[in-house]
Amino acid sequence: MTLIYLGIVFLIIILLLALQRPLYQAILGGLLATVFLCHIPVPTIFMQTAHVFTDWSLFSILVSLYLITFL
């Protein structure tokens, strides 16, 4: 079932990009689809988001992905 959810999330991202939406909007659409499909509670979303910005190992991955995007 997880593989199907992953396919749906990628499909949503591809559809949003095909509709000429910016990349950040396509990624946000995929994120919202993931939250909806996996039934992730709202407090967990905020806790994980804060954890990305307070843990250097996670933050460095985020910075690396942004740098790859800009290159």
N, C-alpha and C. Protein backbone atom coordinates (compact mmCIF):
# COMPACT_ATOMS: atom_id res chain seq x y z
N MET A 1 0.82 -1.19 0.00
CA MET A 1 0.00 0.00 0.00
C MET A 1 0.87 1.27 0.00
N THR A 2 2.01 1.18 0.68
CA THR A 2 2.91 2.33 0.74
C THR A 2 3.41 2.70 -0.65
N LEU A 3 3.67 1.70 -1.47
CA LEU A 3 4.14 1.97 -2.84
C LEU A 3 3.07 2.69 -3.65
N ILE A 4 1.82 2.35 -3.43
CA ILE A 4 0.72 3.03 -4.13
C ILE A 4 0.64 4.48 -3.67
N TYR A 5 0.77 4.72 -2.36
CA TYR A 5 0.75 6.08 -1.85
C TYR A 5 1.90 6.91 -2.42
N LEU A 6 3.07 6.30 -2.51
CA LEU A 6 4.23 6.98 -3.08
C LEU A 6 3.97 7.34 -4.54
N GLY A 7 3.37 6.43 -5.29
CA GLY A 7 3.02 6.70 -6.68
C GLY A 7 2.02 7.84 -6.81
N ILE A 8 1.04 7.88 -5.91
CA ILE A 8 0.05 8.97 -5.94
C ILE A 8 0.71 10.30 -5.65
N VAL A 9 1.62 10.33 -4.69
CA VAL A 9 2.31 11.57 -4.35
C VAL A 9 3.14 12.06 -5.54
N PHE A 10 3.88 11.15 -6.19
CA PHE A 10 4.67 11.54 -7.36
C PHE A 10 3.77 11.99 -8.51
N LEU A 11 2.63 11.34 -8.67
CA LEU A 11 1.69 11.73 -9.71
C LEU A 11 1.16 13.15 -9.48
N ILE A 12 0.86 13.46 -8.23
CA ILE A 12 0.39 14.81 -7.91
C ILE A 12 1.47 15.84 -8.21
N ILE A 13 2.71 15.54 -7.85
CA ILE A 13 3.81 16.47 -8.14
C ILE A 13 3.97 16.66 -9.64
N ILE A 14 3.92 15.59 -10.40
CA ILE A 14 4.07 15.68 -11.86
C ILE A 14 2.91 16.45 -12.48
N LEU A 15 1.70 16.19 -11.99
CA LEU A 15 0.53 16.92 -12.52
C LEU A 15 0.63 18.42 -12.24
N LEU A 16 1.05 18.78 -11.04
CA LEU A 16 1.18 20.20 -10.73
C LEU A 16 2.27 20.86 -11.58
N LEU A 17 3.36 20.14 -11.82
CA LEU A 17 4.40 20.70 -12.70
C LEU A 17 3.90 20.80 -14.14
N ALA A 18 3.09 19.84 -14.58
CA ALA A 18 2.53 19.89 -15.93
C ALA A 18 1.55 21.05 -16.08
N LEU A 19 0.93 21.45 -14.98
CA LEU A 19 0.01 22.59 -15.00
C LEU A 19 0.74 23.93 -14.84
N GLN A 20 2.06 23.90 -15.02
CA GLN A 20 2.91 25.10 -14.99
C GLN A 20 2.96 25.76 -13.61
N ARG A 21 2.80 24.97 -12.56
CA ARG A 21 2.94 25.49 -11.21
C ARG A 21 4.42 25.50 -10.85
N PRO A 22 4.85 26.45 -10.02
CA PRO A 22 6.26 26.47 -9.59
C PRO A 22 6.60 25.21 -8.79
N LEU A 23 7.89 24.93 -8.73
CA LEU A 23 8.36 23.72 -8.06
C LEU A 23 7.94 23.68 -6.59
N TYR A 24 8.02 24.81 -5.90
CA TYR A 24 7.67 24.80 -4.48
C TYR A 24 6.19 24.46 -4.28
N GLN A 25 5.32 24.88 -5.20
CA GLN A 25 3.91 24.54 -5.09
C GLN A 25 3.67 23.06 -5.37
N ALA A 26 4.42 22.51 -6.30
CA ALA A 26 4.29 21.08 -6.59
C ALA A 26 4.75 20.25 -5.40
N ILE A 27 5.84 20.66 -4.77
CA ILE A 27 6.35 19.94 -3.60
C ILE A 27 5.37 20.08 -2.43
N LEU A 28 4.80 21.26 -2.24
CA LEU A 28 3.81 21.43 -1.18
C LEU A 28 2.57 20.57 -1.44
N GLY A 29 2.18 20.45 -2.70
CA GLY A 29 1.07 19.57 -3.04
C GLY A 29 1.38 18.12 -2.71
N GLY A 30 2.60 17.69 -2.99
CA GLY A 30 3.02 16.35 -2.63
C GLY A 30 3.08 16.16 -1.12
N LEU A 31 3.52 17.18 -0.42
CA LEU A 31 3.57 17.12 1.04
C LEU A 31 2.16 16.99 1.63
N LEU A 32 1.24 17.79 1.12
CA LEU A 32 -0.14 17.71 1.61
C LEU A 32 -0.77 16.36 1.29
N ALA A 33 -0.46 15.83 0.12
CA ALA A 33 -0.97 14.50 -0.23
C ALA A 33 -0.40 13.44 0.71
N THR A 34 0.87 13.56 1.06
CA THR A 34 1.49 12.62 1.99
C THR A 34 0.83 12.69 3.36
N VAL A 35 0.59 13.90 3.84
CA VAL A 35 -0.06 14.08 5.14
C VAL A 35 -1.46 13.46 5.11
N PHE A 36 -2.19 13.68 4.02
CA PHE A 36 -3.55 13.16 3.91
C PHE A 36 -3.56 11.64 3.79
N LEU A 37 -2.72 11.10 2.92
CA LEU A 37 -2.73 9.66 2.68
C LEU A 37 -2.21 8.85 3.86
N CYS A 38 -1.23 9.38 4.56
CA CYS A 38 -0.63 8.64 5.68
C CYS A 38 -1.25 8.99 7.03
N HIS A 39 -2.24 9.88 7.04
CA HIS A 39 -2.94 10.27 8.27
C HIS A 39 -1.97 10.74 9.35
N ILE A 40 -1.12 11.67 8.99
CA ILE A 40 -0.14 12.20 9.93
C ILE A 40 -0.80 13.30 10.76
N PRO A 41 -0.77 13.20 12.08
CA PRO A 41 -1.41 14.21 12.92
C PRO A 41 -0.70 15.56 12.82
N VAL A 42 -1.46 16.63 12.99
CA VAL A 42 -0.93 17.99 12.84
C VAL A 42 0.20 18.27 13.84
N PRO A 43 0.08 17.90 15.12
CA PRO A 43 1.21 18.18 16.03
C PRO A 43 2.50 17.50 15.59
N THR A 44 2.40 16.32 15.01
CA THR A 44 3.59 15.62 14.54
C THR A 44 4.24 16.38 13.38
N ILE A 45 3.43 16.96 12.52
CA ILE A 45 3.95 17.74 11.39
C ILE A 45 4.79 18.90 11.90
N PHE A 46 4.26 19.64 12.87
CA PHE A 46 4.99 20.80 13.39
C PHE A 46 6.24 20.36 14.17
N MET A 47 6.13 19.26 14.90
CA MET A 47 7.28 18.77 15.65
C MET A 47 8.41 18.35 14.71
N GLN A 48 8.08 17.63 13.65
CA GLN A 48 9.10 17.19 12.69
C GLN A 48 9.70 18.37 11.94
N THR A 49 8.88 19.36 11.59
CA THR A 49 9.39 20.55 10.90
C THR A 49 10.38 21.30 11.79
N ALA A 50 10.03 21.46 13.05
CA ALA A 50 10.94 22.13 13.98
C ALA A 50 12.22 21.32 14.16
N HIS A 51 12.10 20.00 14.14
CA HIS A 51 13.26 19.14 14.32
C HIS A 51 14.26 19.29 13.16
N VAL A 52 13.76 19.53 11.96
CA VAL A 52 14.64 19.72 10.80
C VAL A 52 15.52 20.95 10.99
N PHE A 53 14.95 22.00 11.57
CA PHE A 53 15.70 23.23 11.72
C PHE A 53 16.57 23.27 12.98
N THR A 54 16.39 22.31 13.90
CA THR A 54 17.20 22.32 15.12
C THR A 54 18.28 21.24 15.12
N ASP A 55 18.18 20.26 14.24
CA ASP A 55 19.17 19.19 14.17
C ASP A 55 20.07 19.44 12.95
N TRP A 56 21.36 19.61 13.18
CA TRP A 56 22.27 19.98 12.09
C TRP A 56 22.32 18.93 10.99
N SER A 57 22.25 17.65 11.33
CA SER A 57 22.35 16.62 10.29
C SER A 57 21.17 16.69 9.33
N LEU A 58 19.98 16.97 9.84
CA LEU A 58 18.81 17.12 8.97
C LEU A 58 18.86 18.44 8.21
N PHE A 59 19.29 19.50 8.89
CA PHE A 59 19.35 20.80 8.25
C PHE A 59 20.38 20.82 7.12
N SER A 60 21.47 20.10 7.29
CA SER A 60 22.49 20.06 6.23
C SER A 60 21.96 19.34 4.98
N ILE A 61 21.10 18.35 5.17
CA ILE A 61 20.48 17.70 4.01
C ILE A 61 19.57 18.68 3.29
N LEU A 62 18.80 19.46 4.05
CA LEU A 62 17.92 20.45 3.45
C LEU A 62 18.72 21.49 2.66
N VAL A 63 19.81 21.97 3.23
CA VAL A 63 20.65 22.95 2.55
C VAL A 63 21.25 22.34 1.28
N SER A 64 21.70 21.11 1.37
CA SER A 64 22.27 20.43 0.20
C SER A 64 21.26 20.30 -0.92
N LEU A 65 20.03 19.96 -0.59
CA LEU A 65 18.99 19.84 -1.62
C LEU A 65 18.70 21.19 -2.27
N TYR A 66 18.67 22.26 -1.47
CA TYR A 66 18.47 23.58 -2.05
C TYR A 66 19.63 23.98 -2.96
N LEU A 67 20.85 23.66 -2.56
CA LEU A 67 22.00 24.00 -3.39
C LEU A 67 21.97 23.22 -4.71
N ILE A 68 21.58 21.96 -4.65
CA ILE A 68 21.46 21.16 -5.89
C ILE A 68 20.39 21.77 -6.78
N THR A 69 19.29 22.22 -6.20
CA THR A 69 18.21 22.84 -6.99
C THR A 69 18.72 24.08 -7.71
N PHE A 70 19.50 24.91 -7.02
CA PHE A 70 19.97 26.15 -7.63
C PHE A 70 21.07 25.92 -8.65
N LEU A 71 21.82 24.83 -8.51
CA LEU A 71 22.87 24.56 -9.49
C LEU A 71 22.26 24.00 -10.75
